[in-house]
Protein backbone atom coordinates (compact mmCIF):
# COMPACT_ATOMS: atom_id res chain seq x y z
CA UNK A 1 3.74 -1.17 -89.88
CA UNK A 2 3.81 -4.90 -90.17
CA UNK A 3 0.31 -6.46 -89.96
CA UNK A 4 1.31 -9.54 -87.86
CA UNK A 5 3.16 -7.25 -85.41
CA UNK A 6 0.10 -5.01 -85.10
CA UNK A 7 -2.12 -8.03 -84.47
CA UNK A 8 0.32 -9.29 -81.84
CA UNK A 9 0.40 -5.90 -80.11
CA UNK A 10 -3.38 -5.68 -80.24
CA UNK A 11 -3.65 -9.18 -78.71
CA UNK A 12 -1.25 -8.22 -75.87
CA UNK A 13 -3.27 -5.11 -75.09
CA UNK A 14 -6.45 -7.17 -74.89
CA UNK A 15 -4.84 -9.67 -72.45
CA UNK A 16 -3.56 -7.04 -70.04
CA UNK A 17 -7.01 -5.93 -68.80
CA UNK A 18 -7.83 -9.59 -68.17
CA UNK A 19 -4.71 -10.04 -65.98
CA UNK A 20 -5.24 -6.83 -64.00
CA UNK A 21 -8.17 -8.16 -61.94
CA UNK A 22 -6.23 -11.37 -61.28
CA UNK A 23 -3.22 -9.46 -59.95
CA UNK A 24 -5.41 -7.15 -57.87
CA UNK A 25 -7.27 -10.13 -56.46
CA UNK A 26 -4.02 -11.92 -55.59
CA UNK A 27 -2.64 -8.76 -53.97
CA UNK A 28 -5.87 -8.32 -51.96
CA UNK A 29 -5.75 -11.96 -50.83
CA UNK A 30 -2.13 -11.58 -49.78
CA UNK A 31 -2.99 -8.45 -47.82
CA UNK A 32 -5.91 -10.24 -46.15
CA UNK A 33 -3.68 -13.17 -45.16
CA UNK A 34 -1.12 -10.73 -43.73
CA UNK A 35 -3.77 -8.98 -41.63
CA UNK A 36 -5.12 -12.34 -40.41
CA UNK A 37 -1.62 -13.49 -39.39
CA UNK A 38 -0.98 -10.19 -37.58
CA UNK A 39 -4.32 -10.48 -35.79
CA UNK A 40 -3.66 -14.05 -34.62
CA UNK A 41 -0.15 -13.18 -33.46
CA UNK A 42 -1.37 -10.12 -31.54
CA UNK A 43 -3.96 -12.09 -29.58
CA UNK A 44 -2.62 -12.65 -26.08
CA UNK A 45 -3.80 -13.54 -22.62
CA UNK A 46 -2.75 -11.53 -19.60
CA UNK A 47 -2.74 -13.55 -16.38
CA UNK A 48 -3.09 -11.68 -13.10
CA UNK A 49 -2.71 -13.57 -9.82
CA UNK A 50 -4.36 -11.65 -7.00
CA UNK A 51 -3.80 -12.48 -3.32
CA UNK A 52 -4.39 -10.82 0.01
CA UNK A 53 -1.41 -9.97 2.18
CA UNK A 54 -0.43 -12.68 4.67
CA UNK A 55 -1.40 -12.69 8.35
CA UNK A 56 -0.42 -9.54 10.23
CA UNK A 57 0.64 -8.97 13.83
CA UNK A 58 -2.30 -8.08 16.02
CA UNK A 59 -1.87 -4.74 17.68
CA UNK A 60 -2.85 -1.15 17.69
CA UNK A 61 -0.52 0.27 15.04
CA UNK A 62 -1.94 1.35 11.69
CA UNK A 63 0.52 -0.55 9.50
CA UNK A 64 1.45 -3.76 11.33
CA UNK A 65 4.17 -6.15 10.12
CA UNK A 66 3.52 -9.79 9.27
CA UNK A 67 3.18 -12.31 12.04
CA UNK A 68 5.36 -15.41 12.11
CA UNK A 69 2.53 -17.34 10.41
CA UNK A 70 2.32 -14.55 7.84
CA UNK A 71 6.05 -14.75 7.14
CA UNK A 72 5.66 -18.50 6.54
CA UNK A 73 2.71 -17.91 4.22
CA UNK A 74 4.77 -15.38 2.22
CA UNK A 75 7.48 -18.04 1.80
CA UNK A 76 4.88 -20.58 0.61
CA UNK A 77 3.63 -18.03 -1.93
CA UNK A 78 7.22 -17.54 -3.15
CA UNK A 79 7.64 -21.29 -3.60
CA UNK A 80 4.31 -21.58 -5.43
CA UNK A 81 4.98 -18.85 -7.99
CA UNK A 82 8.74 -18.30 -7.83
CA UNK A 83 9.91 -20.18 -10.91
CA UNK A 84 12.26 -18.03 -12.99
CA UNK A 85 11.70 -20.08 -16.13
CA UNK A 86 8.82 -21.46 -18.12
CA UNK A 87 5.70 -20.23 -19.82
CA UNK A 88 3.95 -19.25 -16.60
CA UNK A 89 6.80 -17.13 -15.26
CA UNK A 90 5.70 -14.06 -13.33
CA UNK A 91 7.38 -10.93 -14.68
CA UNK A 92 6.11 -8.34 -12.18
CA UNK A 93 5.00 -8.26 -8.55
CA UNK A 94 2.75 -5.45 -7.33
CA UNK A 95 1.92 -4.64 -3.71
CA UNK A 96 0.07 -1.88 -1.94
CA UNK A 97 1.96 0.75 -0.01
CA UNK A 98 1.49 -1.05 3.33
CA UNK A 99 4.24 -2.91 5.14
CA UNK A 100 2.23 -6.16 5.36
CA UNK A 101 1.55 -6.26 1.60
CA UNK A 102 5.15 -5.46 0.71
CA UNK A 103 6.51 -8.07 3.16
CA UNK A 104 4.15 -10.65 1.61
CA UNK A 105 5.47 -9.83 -1.88
CA UNK A 106 9.19 -9.55 -1.06
CA UNK A 107 10.13 -13.27 -0.86
CA UNK A 108 8.50 -13.92 -4.25
CA UNK A 109 10.08 -10.85 -5.85
CA UNK A 110 13.50 -11.83 -4.47
CA UNK A 111 13.12 -15.35 -5.83
CA UNK A 112 12.15 -13.98 -9.27
CA UNK A 113 14.85 -11.32 -9.26
CA UNK A 114 12.42 -8.43 -9.70
CA UNK A 115 11.58 -5.40 -7.58
CA UNK A 116 8.20 -5.05 -5.88
CA UNK A 117 6.19 -2.33 -7.62
CA UNK A 118 4.41 -0.33 -4.95
CA UNK A 119 1.16 1.57 -5.47
CA UNK A 120 -1.33 3.13 -3.05
CA UNK A 121 -3.92 0.53 -1.96
CA UNK A 122 -6.76 2.81 -3.08
CA UNK A 123 -5.35 3.28 -6.61
CA UNK A 124 -6.95 0.22 -8.21
CA UNK A 125 -7.41 2.08 -11.50
CA UNK A 126 -3.71 2.98 -11.63
CA UNK A 127 -2.78 -0.65 -10.96
CA UNK A 128 -5.05 -1.95 -13.72
CA UNK A 129 -3.79 0.70 -16.15
CA UNK A 130 -0.16 -0.33 -15.49
CA UNK A 131 -0.98 -4.02 -15.99
CA UNK A 132 -2.93 -3.40 -19.22
CA UNK A 133 -0.34 -1.00 -20.62
CA UNK A 134 2.97 -2.54 -19.57
CA UNK A 135 2.21 -6.24 -19.03
CA UNK A 136 -0.25 -7.20 -21.75
CA UNK A 137 0.15 -10.88 -22.57
CA UNK A 138 2.32 -11.55 -19.52
CA UNK A 139 1.90 -12.88 -15.97
CA UNK A 140 1.86 -10.65 -12.90
CA UNK A 141 1.04 -11.08 -9.21
CA UNK A 142 -0.76 -8.48 -7.10
CA UNK A 143 -0.78 -8.41 -3.29
CA UNK A 144 -3.78 -6.47 -2.00
CA UNK A 145 -6.16 -6.34 0.95
CA UNK A 146 -9.47 -7.94 1.90
CA UNK A 147 -11.32 -4.90 0.53
CA UNK A 148 -9.25 -4.44 -2.66
CA UNK A 149 -8.74 -8.05 -3.83
CA UNK A 150 -12.42 -8.61 -4.76
CA UNK A 151 -12.57 -5.21 -6.48
CA UNK A 152 -9.43 -5.94 -8.53
CA UNK A 153 -10.81 -9.35 -9.58
CA UNK A 154 -14.22 -7.85 -10.46
CA UNK A 155 -12.70 -5.12 -12.60
CA UNK A 156 -10.28 -7.44 -14.38
CA UNK A 157 -12.87 -10.13 -15.08
CA UNK A 158 -16.03 -8.10 -15.47
CA UNK A 159 -17.70 -10.54 -13.04
CA UNK A 160 -19.85 -8.63 -10.53
CA UNK A 161 -20.38 -11.83 -8.52
CA UNK A 162 -16.95 -11.94 -6.87
CA UNK A 163 -17.76 -12.26 -3.15
CA UNK A 164 -16.22 -10.07 -0.45
CA UNK A 165 -13.31 -11.55 1.52
CA UNK A 166 -13.70 -12.41 5.16
CA UNK A 167 -11.33 -10.64 7.54
CA UNK A 168 -9.89 -14.06 8.46
CA UNK A 169 -9.30 -15.13 4.83
CA UNK A 170 -5.58 -15.06 4.05
CA UNK A 171 -5.39 -18.18 1.88
CA UNK A 172 -7.38 -17.37 -1.25
CA UNK A 173 -5.66 -16.96 -4.59
CA UNK A 174 -7.50 -15.61 -7.63
CA UNK A 175 -6.04 -16.36 -11.05
CA UNK A 176 -7.64 -14.05 -13.62
CA UNK A 177 -6.97 -14.79 -17.30
CA UNK A 178 -7.79 -11.82 -19.53
CA UNK A 179 -7.66 -12.63 -23.28
CA UNK A 180 -7.38 -9.98 -25.96
CA UNK A 181 -10.72 -11.17 -27.33
CA UNK A 182 -13.48 -12.85 -25.40
CA UNK A 183 -14.40 -13.05 -21.76
CA UNK A 184 -12.00 -13.22 -18.85
CA UNK A 185 -12.00 -16.28 -16.62
CA UNK A 186 -11.42 -16.53 -12.89
CA UNK A 187 -9.97 -19.46 -10.97
CA UNK A 188 -10.25 -19.34 -7.17
CA UNK A 189 -7.75 -21.45 -5.19
CA UNK A 190 -7.19 -21.80 -1.45
CA UNK A 191 -3.72 -22.49 -0.09
């Protein structure tokens, strides 16, 4: 065997262990950057707009329709949130299984070109599960009742201080922003 060739081979073998930690470190850094990018891209905020159904007809039936004032309020709600384009576009409209809640949601749903998703008024957990599972990072609107709206807002936001709604309160809108990380925020608006 040639002595210079043996020295060269010996020198190459000695350099390889030195490069191995460098390559492993670079690979680890690349993996860490990839995980960080994935984490940042997966962070989202789900926005849930929660309103009470509009004014109902006074009477003795269990599931009354909307009054004329209620019909007008439902139209105002549709104009407020009915944009089909833009970052704040609502992708789903939920309503309880009562006529007044569905009639409040219908003008908005028609304007958006979506169907009203109907759930039993008492199934708050099912509603929240659907929103968290199917609409993460998106915007949805929920039409509830004076007894369910505060509960929905409390459970979405984790804020136990959401006050009960008065029986005469038809004009309060709650906008609940639920980020992937961190605390939810609640904006209360009257219209």
